[in-house]
Amino acid sequence: MGVFAGMEKWEYQTVMVSIGNVNGGRSWVADTPDSSRAAGFQNILNRYGEHGWELVSAVVEETAGDLAVSAERYRLFFKRRLL
């Protein structure tokens, strides 16, 4: 047997989250694993969790603002165990 035979295997997914217009307001939006759209960070995370994805990291992709930095986009990194 090889050195890696008993190791867990993972797959990874990156997701771009950005500000968008939702029902006349503005909210964080992203595509979901079932090819729909989710609005709001909690809804986005819950939708990925329902499909077995675990959030590993999040980074700011783009910022705007003069004196204060405000995030315009985030990249989320998820992983899930391969069966």
C-alpha atoms as a PDB file:
ATOM      1  CA  MET A   1       0.000   0.000   0.000  1.00  0.00           C
ATOM      2  CA  GLY A   2       1.114   3.550  -0.755  1.00  0.00           C
ATOM      3  CA  VAL A   3       1.778   6.193   1.845  1.00  0.00           C
ATOM      4  CA  PHE A   4      -1.437   8.044   0.916  1.00  0.00           C
ATOM      5  CA  ALA A   5      -3.762   5.006   0.781  1.00  0.00           C
ATOM      6  CA  GLY A   6      -5.510   5.702   4.108  1.00  0.00           C
ATOM      7  CA  MET A   7      -5.684   9.493   3.812  1.00  0.00           C
ATOM      8  CA  GLU A   8      -8.964  11.355   3.473  1.00  0.00           C
ATOM      9  CA  LYS A   9      -9.569  12.961   0.103  1.00  0.00           C
ATOM     10  CA  TRP A  10     -11.198  16.376  -0.354  1.00  0.00           C
ATOM     11  CA  GLU A  11     -12.581  18.476  -3.161  1.00  0.00           C
ATOM     12  CA  TYR A  12     -12.498  22.262  -3.098  1.00  0.00           C
ATOM     13  CA  GLN A  13     -14.748  25.029  -4.380  1.00  0.00           C
ATOM     14  CA  THR A  14     -14.228  28.780  -4.607  1.00  0.00           C
ATOM     15  CA  VAL A  15     -17.209  31.132  -4.644  1.00  0.00           C
ATOM     16  CA  MET A  16     -17.312  34.842  -5.434  1.00  0.00           C
ATOM     17  CA  VAL A  17     -19.704  36.849  -3.250  1.00  0.00           C
ATOM     18  CA  SER A  18     -20.512  40.408  -4.271  1.00  0.00           C
ATOM     19  CA  ILE A  19     -22.994  43.173  -3.551  1.00  0.00           C
ATOM     20  CA  GLY A  20     -26.074  42.998  -5.776  1.00  0.00           C
ATOM     21  CA  ASN A  21     -29.570  44.380  -6.074  1.00  0.00           C
ATOM     22  CA  VAL A  22     -32.111  42.132  -4.377  1.00  0.00           C
ATOM     23  CA  ASN A  23     -35.818  42.989  -4.096  1.00  0.00           C
ATOM     24  CA  GLY A  24     -35.190  46.716  -4.338  1.00  0.00           C
ATOM     25  CA  GLY A  25     -32.321  46.664  -1.834  1.00  0.00           C
ATOM     26  CA  ARG A  26     -28.689  45.684  -1.794  1.00  0.00           C
ATOM     27  CA  SER A  27     -27.323  42.451  -0.354  1.00  0.00           C
ATOM     28  CA  TRP A  28     -24.493  39.969  -0.702  1.00  0.00           C
ATOM     29  CA  VAL A  29     -25.264  37.508  -3.525  1.00  0.00           C
ATOM     30  CA  ALA A  30     -23.624  34.358  -4.894  1.00  0.00           C
ATOM     31  CA  ASP A  31     -24.362  31.353  -7.060  1.00  0.00           C
ATOM     32  CA  THR A  32     -25.128  28.180  -5.109  1.00  0.00           C
ATOM     33  CA  PRO A  33     -24.245  24.511  -5.727  1.00  0.00           C
ATOM     34  CA  ASP A  34     -27.708  23.861  -7.207  1.00  0.00           C
ATOM     35  CA  SER A  35     -27.192  26.630  -9.837  1.00  0.00           C
ATOM     36  CA  SER A  36     -29.519  29.121  -8.169  1.00  0.00           C
ATOM     37  CA  ARG A  37     -28.678  32.429  -6.456  1.00  0.00           C
ATOM     38  CA  ALA A  38     -28.677  33.128  -2.724  1.00  0.00           C
ATOM     39  CA  ALA A  39     -28.805  36.541  -1.053  1.00  0.00           C
ATOM     40  CA  GLY A  40     -27.266  37.309   2.332  1.00  0.00           C
ATOM     41  CA  PHE A  41     -24.092  35.813   3.762  1.00  0.00           C
ATOM     42  CA  GLN A  42     -25.930  33.476   6.145  1.00  0.00           C
ATOM     43  CA  ASN A  43     -28.131  32.118   3.350  1.00  0.00           C
ATOM     44  CA  ILE A  44     -25.104  31.598   1.097  1.00  0.00           C
ATOM     45  CA  LEU A  45     -23.227  29.688   3.810  1.00  0.00           C
ATOM     46  CA  ASN A  46     -26.307  27.616   4.697  1.00  0.00           C
ATOM     47  CA  ARG A  47     -26.916  26.659   1.065  1.00  0.00           C
ATOM     48  CA  TYR A  48     -23.347  25.401   0.666  1.00  0.00           C
ATOM     49  CA  GLY A  49     -23.582  23.598   4.013  1.00  0.00           C
ATOM     50  CA  GLU A  50     -26.721  21.783   2.815  1.00  0.00           C
ATOM     51  CA  HIS A  51     -24.598  20.345   0.004  1.00  0.00           C
ATOM     52  CA  GLY A  52     -21.842  19.163   2.354  1.00  0.00           C
ATOM     53  CA  TRP A  53     -19.457  22.083   1.844  1.00  0.00           C
ATOM     54  CA  GLU A  54     -17.497  23.465   4.798  1.00  0.00           C
ATOM     55  CA  LEU A  55     -16.167  27.038   4.742  1.00  0.00           C
ATOM     56  CA  VAL A  56     -12.387  27.006   5.134  1.00  0.00           C
ATOM     57  CA  SER A  57     -11.466  30.623   4.445  1.00  0.00           C
ATOM     58  CA  ALA A  58     -12.703  33.954   3.101  1.00  0.00           C
ATOM     59  CA  VAL A  59     -10.662  36.784   1.620  1.00  0.00           C
ATOM     60  CA  VAL A  60     -11.511  40.284   0.450  1.00  0.00           C
ATOM     61  CA  GLU A  61     -11.182  40.425  -3.332  1.00  0.00           C
ATOM     62  CA  GLU A  62     -11.883  44.096  -3.923  1.00  0.00           C
ATOM     63  CA  THR A  63     -12.265  47.133  -1.715  1.00  0.00           C
ATOM     64  CA  ALA A  64     -13.525  50.657  -2.206  1.00  0.00           C
ATOM     65  CA  GLY A  65     -13.644  53.788  -0.115  1.00  0.00           C
ATOM     66  CA  ASP A  66     -11.540  56.788   0.736  1.00  0.00           C
ATOM     67  CA  LEU A  67     -10.850  56.900   4.460  1.00  0.00           C
ATOM     68  CA  ALA A  68     -12.500  53.635   5.462  1.00  0.00           C
ATOM     69  CA  VAL A  69     -12.055  50.370   3.616  1.00  0.00           C
ATOM     70  CA  SER A  70     -15.277  48.624   2.671  1.00  0.00           C
ATOM     71  CA  ALA A  71     -15.405  45.235   1.014  1.00  0.00           C
ATOM     72  CA  GLU A  72     -17.071  44.998  -2.392  1.00  0.00           C
ATOM     73  CA  ARG A  73     -16.380  41.312  -3.086  1.00  0.00           C
ATOM     74  CA  TYR A  74     -15.268  38.274  -1.140  1.00  0.00           C
ATOM     75  CA  ARG A  75     -13.907  34.953  -2.332  1.00  0.00           C
ATOM     76  CA  LEU A  76     -15.034  32.045  -0.161  1.00  0.00           C
ATOM     77  CA  PHE A  77     -13.113  28.768  -0.069  1.00  0.00           C
ATOM     78  CA  PHE A  78     -15.043  25.587   0.732  1.00  0.00           C
ATOM     79  CA  LYS A  79     -14.075  21.937   1.023  1.00  0.00           C
ATOM     80  CA  ARG A  80     -15.967  18.661   1.336  1.00  0.00           C
ATOM     81  CA  ARG A  81     -14.887  15.082   1.813  1.00  0.00           C
ATOM     82  CA  LEU A  82     -14.898  12.837  -1.239  1.00  0.00           C
ATOM     83  CA  LEU A  83     -16.734   9.585  -0.689  1.00  0.00           C
END
